[in-house]
Amino acid sequence: MKKTLLMIITSLLLIAGTKDLRVLVMTPTPKMHCENCENKIKKNLRFEKGVVKIETSVKEQTVTVTYNASKTNVEKIQVAMKEIGYETKVISDKPKEEKKKSGQE
């Protein structure tokens, strides 16, 4: 009984925690030139409270950050980027889309 109750509570907390996930896409200045630039961004942004996932693209010159909006915001992420030497321009900031299950696979 205790295990079942614990599983239910844990599931509810996980569901509640993912409610505020947002996806921020921004471009850095100066431009990223190599894998080292990408790693510098990833290694430093991961310490920002609320950051869930970081993706970078040298080809597209974008940094995509999935974050929990109840723990951080765009301004805080931009400050963290500035601290490692990158000014940023926001391309988009929108709620993370939930993956829909499809019966036609």
Protein backbone atom coordinates (compact mmCIF):
# COMPACT_ATOMS: atom_id res chain seq x y z
CA MET A 1 0.00 0.00 0.00
CA LYS A 2 2.83 2.39 0.90
CA LYS A 3 4.62 1.67 -2.37
CA THR A 4 1.48 2.32 -4.40
CA LEU A 5 0.82 5.59 -2.59
CA LEU A 6 4.43 6.66 -3.06
CA MET A 7 4.25 5.87 -6.79
CA ILE A 8 1.06 7.90 -7.18
CA ILE A 9 2.52 10.89 -5.35
CA THR A 10 5.73 10.73 -7.38
CA SER A 11 3.77 10.56 -10.63
CA LEU A 12 1.66 13.55 -9.66
CA LEU A 13 4.76 15.57 -8.78
CA LEU A 14 6.37 14.74 -12.11
CA ILE A 15 3.24 15.74 -14.01
CA ALA A 16 2.94 18.99 -12.05
CA GLY A 17 6.61 19.78 -12.59
CA THR A 18 6.43 19.47 -16.37
CA LYS A 19 3.46 21.81 -16.65
CA ASP A 20 5.62 24.95 -16.80
CA LEU A 21 8.18 23.72 -19.36
CA ARG A 22 9.04 26.25 -22.04
CA VAL A 23 11.39 26.17 -25.02
CA LEU A 24 13.64 29.18 -25.60
CA VAL A 25 15.50 29.56 -28.90
CA MET A 26 18.17 32.26 -29.14
CA THR A 27 21.15 33.26 -31.24
CA PRO A 28 24.49 34.02 -29.58
CA THR A 29 26.91 36.84 -30.33
CA PRO A 30 29.78 36.26 -30.93
CA LYS A 31 28.92 33.32 -33.17
CA MET A 32 29.69 29.76 -32.19
CA HIS A 33 32.47 28.40 -34.39
CA CYS A 34 33.13 24.90 -33.15
CA GLU A 35 32.29 22.09 -30.78
CA ASN A 36 34.27 23.83 -28.02
CA CYS A 37 31.91 26.83 -28.24
CA GLU A 38 28.92 24.51 -27.96
CA ASN A 39 30.45 22.68 -24.99
CA LYS A 40 31.23 25.96 -23.21
CA ILE A 41 27.58 26.98 -23.45
CA LYS A 42 26.23 23.57 -22.42
CA LYS A 43 28.62 23.15 -19.49
CA ASN A 44 27.78 26.56 -18.03
CA LEU A 45 24.03 26.75 -18.69
CA ARG A 46 23.36 23.39 -17.09
CA PHE A 47 24.01 24.99 -13.70
CA GLU A 48 21.23 27.54 -14.17
CA LYS A 49 18.36 26.55 -11.88
CA GLY A 50 15.38 25.27 -13.88
CA VAL A 51 17.26 24.40 -17.08
CA VAL A 52 16.15 20.95 -18.23
CA LYS A 53 17.77 20.53 -21.66
CA ILE A 54 20.26 22.46 -23.83
CA GLU A 55 20.77 21.95 -27.55
CA THR A 56 23.19 23.93 -29.71
CA SER A 57 23.70 24.20 -33.46
CA VAL A 58 26.80 25.80 -34.98
CA LYS A 59 25.27 25.45 -38.44
CA GLU A 60 22.06 27.30 -37.52
CA GLN A 61 23.73 29.49 -34.86
CA THR A 62 21.05 28.66 -32.29
CA VAL A 63 20.94 27.69 -28.65
CA THR A 64 17.71 25.93 -27.64
CA VAL A 65 16.98 25.73 -23.93
CA THR A 66 14.10 23.79 -22.41
CA TYR A 67 13.45 25.22 -18.97
CA ASN A 68 10.99 25.15 -16.10
CA ALA A 69 9.32 28.59 -16.05
CA SER A 70 8.49 28.26 -12.37
CA LYS A 71 12.22 28.13 -11.55
CA THR A 72 13.85 30.50 -14.08
CA ASN A 73 13.05 32.87 -16.93
CA VAL A 74 14.46 34.21 -20.19
CA GLU A 75 16.24 37.10 -18.52
CA LYS A 76 18.09 34.84 -16.09
CA ILE A 77 19.18 32.54 -18.93
CA GLN A 78 20.40 35.53 -20.94
CA VAL A 79 22.38 36.78 -17.92
CA ALA A 80 23.98 33.33 -17.59
CA MET A 81 24.93 33.47 -21.28
CA LYS A 82 26.37 36.96 -20.85
CA GLU A 83 28.50 35.77 -17.94
CA ILE A 84 30.26 33.33 -20.27
CA GLY A 85 30.76 35.94 -22.99
CA TYR A 86 27.67 35.67 -25.21
CA GLU A 87 25.05 38.32 -25.86
CA THR A 88 21.83 36.71 -27.08
CA LYS A 89 18.84 37.58 -29.20
CA VAL A 90 15.62 35.67 -28.49
CA ILE A 91 14.10 34.01 -31.56
CA SER A 92 11.22 32.36 -29.70
CA ASP A 93 10.02 31.46 -26.23
CA LYS A 94 6.97 29.23 -26.12
CA PRO A 95 5.45 26.44 -24.05
CA LYS A 96 6.85 23.00 -24.75
CA GLU A 97 4.46 20.99 -26.88
CA GLU A 98 3.36 17.73 -25.38
CA LYS A 99 3.95 14.68 -27.54
CA LYS A 100 0.61 13.31 -28.63
CA LYS A 101 0.06 9.59 -28.84
CA SER A 102 -1.22 8.53 -32.20
CA GLY A 103 -3.11 5.36 -32.96
CA GLN A 104 -1.81 5.47 -36.56
CA GLU A 105 1.81 4.38 -36.35
